[in-house]
Structure formats: structure tokens, C-alpha cells
Amino acid sequence: MQDEDVTKKSDIYEYVLTGNEKFLNIRAFTEKQKKEAYER
């Protein structure tokens, strides 16, 4: 449970059991990164 990109750690067990990544609620980019990319 060390991955900082997983924002909903309580559903890790569901992911392990099903293999469905929707349970992890992964956030790949921060709002700051999105804004910087948009401005470029």
C-alpha cells in the first residue's frame, strides 16, 4: 500500500480479488501537472 497514485486504498482488496483496476481509483497526474501540460 505504498503507491501514492492509488487514492482509494480501501479497495485494494477488491482489486486483488477481481483484477479490475477501477477499484483502485488511480490518479495518474496531479492538478498542477495537468495545468502545466495544458499551458504548454
PDB file of N, CA and C in Angstrom:
ATOM      1  N   MET A   1       0.821  -1.192   0.000  1.00  0.00           N
ATOM      2  CA  MET A   1       0.000   0.000   0.000  1.00  0.00           C
ATOM      3  C   MET A   1       0.861   1.250   0.000  1.00  0.00           C
ATOM      4  N   GLN A   2       1.992   1.182  -0.634  1.00  0.00           N
ATOM      5  CA  GLN A   2       2.910   2.302  -0.673  1.00  0.00           C
ATOM      6  C   GLN A   2       2.720   3.196  -1.898  1.00  0.00           C
ATOM      7  N   ASP A   3       1.900   2.783  -2.861  1.00  0.00           N
ATOM      8  CA  ASP A   3       1.747   3.519  -4.105  1.00  0.00           C
ATOM      9  C   ASP A   3       0.959   4.803  -3.872  1.00  0.00           C
ATOM     10  N   GLU A   4       1.571   5.952  -4.117  1.00  0.00           N
ATOM     11  CA  GLU A   4       0.919   7.235  -3.893  1.00  0.00           C
ATOM     12  C   GLU A   4      -0.140   7.543  -4.942  1.00  0.00           C
ATOM     13  N   ASP A   5      -0.115   6.846  -6.082  1.00  0.00           N
ATOM     14  CA  ASP A   5      -1.087   7.104  -7.134  1.00  0.00           C
ATOM     15  C   ASP A   5      -2.447   6.492  -6.838  1.00  0.00           C
ATOM     16  N   VAL A   6      -2.491   5.549  -5.932  1.00  0.00           N
ATOM     17  CA  VAL A   6      -3.758   4.934  -5.553  1.00  0.00           C
ATOM     18  C   VAL A   6      -4.399   5.830  -4.508  1.00  0.00           C
ATOM     19  N   THR A   7      -5.560   6.394  -4.851  1.00  0.00           N
ATOM     20  CA  THR A   7      -6.190   7.344  -3.940  1.00  0.00           C
ATOM     21  C   THR A   7      -7.225   6.699  -3.032  1.00  0.00           C
ATOM     22  N   LYS A   8      -7.659   5.492  -3.341  1.00  0.00           N
ATOM     23  CA  LYS A   8      -8.663   4.815  -2.525  1.00  0.00           C
ATOM     24  C   LYS A   8      -8.113   3.474  -2.067  1.00  0.00           C
ATOM     25  N   LYS A   9      -7.341   3.505  -1.006  1.00  0.00           N
ATOM     26  CA  LYS A   9      -6.625   2.327  -0.551  1.00  0.00           C
ATOM     27  C   LYS A   9      -7.544   1.241   0.018  1.00  0.00           C
ATOM     28  N   SER A  10      -8.756   1.596   0.409  1.00  0.00           N
ATOM     29  CA  SER A  10      -9.655   0.602   0.990  1.00  0.00           C
ATOM     30  C   SER A  10     -10.131  -0.427  -0.036  1.00  0.00           C
ATOM     31  N   ASP A  11     -10.040  -0.111  -1.316  1.00  0.00           N
ATOM     32  CA  ASP A  11     -10.494  -1.033  -2.357  1.00  0.00           C
ATOM     33  C   ASP A  11      -9.377  -1.866  -2.965  1.00  0.00           C
ATOM     34  N   ILE A  12      -8.215  -1.864  -2.367  1.00  0.00           N
ATOM     35  CA  ILE A  12      -7.105  -2.663  -2.882  1.00  0.00           C
ATOM     36  C   ILE A  12      -7.450  -4.147  -2.839  1.00  0.00           C
ATOM     37  N   TYR A  13      -8.159  -4.571  -1.810  1.00  0.00           N
ATOM     38  CA  TYR A  13      -8.534  -5.980  -1.694  1.00  0.00           C
ATOM     39  C   TYR A  13      -9.461  -6.390  -2.845  1.00  0.00           C
ATOM     40  N   GLU A  14     -10.402  -5.512  -3.201  1.00  0.00           N
ATOM     41  CA  GLU A  14     -11.292  -5.797  -4.329  1.00  0.00           C
ATOM     42  C   GLU A  14     -10.492  -5.960  -5.608  1.00  0.00           C
ATOM     43  N   TYR A  15      -9.484  -5.104  -5.789  1.00  0.00           N
ATOM     44  CA  TYR A  15      -8.632  -5.202  -6.980  1.00  0.00           C
ATOM     45  C   TYR A  15      -7.881  -6.528  -7.001  1.00  0.00           C
ATOM     46  N   VAL A  16      -7.328  -6.929  -5.878  1.00  0.00           N
ATOM     47  CA  VAL A  16      -6.575  -8.182  -5.804  1.00  0.00           C
ATOM     48  C   VAL A  16      -7.477  -9.366  -6.148  1.00  0.00           C
ATOM     49  N   LEU A  17      -8.710  -9.331  -5.671  1.00  0.00           N
ATOM     50  CA  LEU A  17      -9.628 -10.437  -5.901  1.00  0.00           C
ATOM     51  C   LEU A  17     -10.172 -10.476  -7.330  1.00  0.00           C
ATOM     52  N   THR A  18     -10.408  -9.294  -7.919  1.00  0.00           N
ATOM     53  CA  THR A  18     -11.048  -9.256  -9.237  1.00  0.00           C
ATOM     54  C   THR A  18     -10.091  -8.915 -10.370  1.00  0.00           C
ATOM     55  N   GLY A  19      -9.012  -8.184 -10.077  1.00  0.00           N
ATOM     56  CA  GLY A  19      -8.094  -7.741 -11.119  1.00  0.00           C
ATOM     57  C   GLY A  19      -8.595  -6.516 -11.861  1.00  0.00           C
ATOM     58  N   ASN A  20      -9.706  -5.947 -11.424  1.00  0.00           N
ATOM     59  CA  ASN A  20     -10.301  -4.785 -12.075  1.00  0.00           C
ATOM     60  C   ASN A  20      -9.712  -3.507 -11.484  1.00  0.00           C
ATOM     61  N   GLU A  21      -9.018  -2.726 -12.319  1.00  0.00           N
ATOM     62  CA  GLU A  21      -8.314  -1.530 -11.838  1.00  0.00           C
ATOM     63  C   GLU A  21      -9.243  -0.403 -11.435  1.00  0.00           C
ATOM     64  N   LYS A  22     -10.516  -0.469 -11.788  1.00  0.00           N
ATOM     65  CA  LYS A  22     -11.434   0.614 -11.405  1.00  0.00           C
ATOM     66  C   LYS A  22     -11.550   0.756  -9.890  1.00  0.00           C
ATOM     67  N   PHE A  23     -11.280  -0.329  -9.163  1.00  0.00           N
ATOM     68  CA  PHE A  23     -11.370  -0.285  -7.712  1.00  0.00           C
ATOM     69  C   PHE A  23     -10.241   0.536  -7.087  1.00  0.00           C
ATOM     70  N   LEU A  24      -9.148   0.738  -7.800  1.00  0.00           N
ATOM     71  CA  LEU A  24      -8.007   1.454  -7.233  1.00  0.00           C
ATOM     72  C   LEU A  24      -8.170   2.962  -7.284  1.00  0.00           C
ATOM     73  N   ASN A  25      -9.031   3.447  -8.176  1.00  0.00           N
ATOM     74  CA  ASN A  25      -9.226   4.894  -8.317  1.00  0.00           C
ATOM     75  C   ASN A  25      -7.875   5.579  -8.501  1.00  0.00           C
ATOM     76  N   ILE A  26      -7.154   5.181  -9.537  1.00  0.00           N
ATOM     77  CA  ILE A  26      -5.796   5.668  -9.783  1.00  0.00           C
ATOM     78  C   ILE A  26      -5.827   7.079 -10.376  1.00  0.00           C
ATOM     79  N   ARG A  27      -5.038   7.933  -9.824  1.00  0.00           N
ATOM     80  CA  ARG A  27      -4.886   9.290 -10.348  1.00  0.00           C
ATOM     81  C   ARG A  27      -3.466   9.411 -10.887  1.00  0.00           C
ATOM     82  N   ALA A  28      -3.337   9.475 -12.200  1.00  0.00           N
ATOM     83  CA  ALA A  28      -2.029   9.447 -12.828  1.00  0.00           C
ATOM     84  C   ALA A  28      -1.315  10.804 -12.772  1.00  0.00           C
ATOM     85  N   PHE A  29      -2.074  11.899 -12.842  1.00  0.00           N
ATOM     86  CA  PHE A  29      -1.466  13.225 -12.879  1.00  0.00           C
ATOM     87  C   PHE A  29      -2.072  14.119 -11.809  1.00  0.00           C
ATOM     88  N   THR A  30      -1.233  14.973 -11.233  1.00  0.00           N
ATOM     89  CA  THR A  30      -1.746  15.946 -10.275  1.00  0.00           C
ATOM     90  C   THR A  30      -2.370  17.106 -11.038  1.00  0.00           C
ATOM     91  N   GLU A  31      -3.160  17.897 -10.334  1.00  0.00           N
ATOM     92  CA  GLU A  31      -3.786  19.057 -10.975  1.00  0.00           C
ATOM     93  C   GLU A  31      -2.722  20.025 -11.505  1.00  0.00           C
ATOM     94  N   LYS A  32      -1.628  20.172 -10.776  1.00  0.00           N
ATOM     95  CA  LYS A  32      -0.546  21.053 -11.206  1.00  0.00           C
ATOM     96  C   LYS A  32       0.068  20.554 -12.508  1.00  0.00           C
ATOM     97  N   GLN A  33       0.277  19.251 -12.624  1.00  0.00           N
ATOM     98  CA  GLN A  33       0.838  18.674 -13.840  1.00  0.00           C
ATOM     99  C   GLN A  33      -0.108  18.873 -15.019  1.00  0.00           C
ATOM    100  N   LYS A  34      -1.387  18.707 -14.796  1.00  0.00           N
ATOM    101  CA  LYS A  34      -2.373  18.908 -15.863  1.00  0.00           C
ATOM    102  C   LYS A  34      -2.351  20.349 -16.354  1.00  0.00           C
ATOM    103  N   LYS A  35      -2.292  21.288 -15.414  1.00  0.00           N
ATOM    104  CA  LYS A  35      -2.305  22.710 -15.774  1.00  0.00           C
ATOM    105  C   LYS A  35      -1.042  23.078 -16.557  1.00  0.00           C
ATOM    106  N   GLU A  36       0.113  22.585 -16.113  1.00  0.00           N
ATOM    107  CA  GLU A  36       1.369  22.866 -16.813  1.00  0.00           C
ATOM    108  C   GLU A  36       1.348  22.300 -18.225  1.00  0.00           C
ATOM    109  N   ALA A  37       0.823  21.103 -18.391  1.00  0.00           N
ATOM    110  CA  ALA A  37       0.741  20.488 -19.722  1.00  0.00           C
ATOM    111  C   ALA A  37      -0.220  21.274 -20.611  1.00  0.00           C
ATOM    112  N   TYR A  38      -1.325  21.721 -20.071  1.00  0.00           N
ATOM    113  CA  TYR A  38      -2.291  22.489 -20.818  1.00  0.00           C
ATOM    114  C   TYR A  38      -1.691  23.819 -21.289  1.00  0.00           C
ATOM    115  N   GLU A  39      -0.917  24.463 -20.414  1.00  0.00           N
ATOM    116  CA  GLU A  39      -0.329  25.758 -20.749  1.00  0.00           C
ATOM    117  C   GLU A  39       0.751  25.626 -21.819  1.00  0.00           C
ATOM    118  N   ARG A  40       1.404  24.450 -21.878  1.00  0.00           N
ATOM    119  CA  ARG A  40       2.415  24.238 -22.913  1.00  0.00           C
ATOM    120  C   ARG A  40       1.737  24.102 -24.252  1.00  0.00           C
TER     121      ARG A  40
END
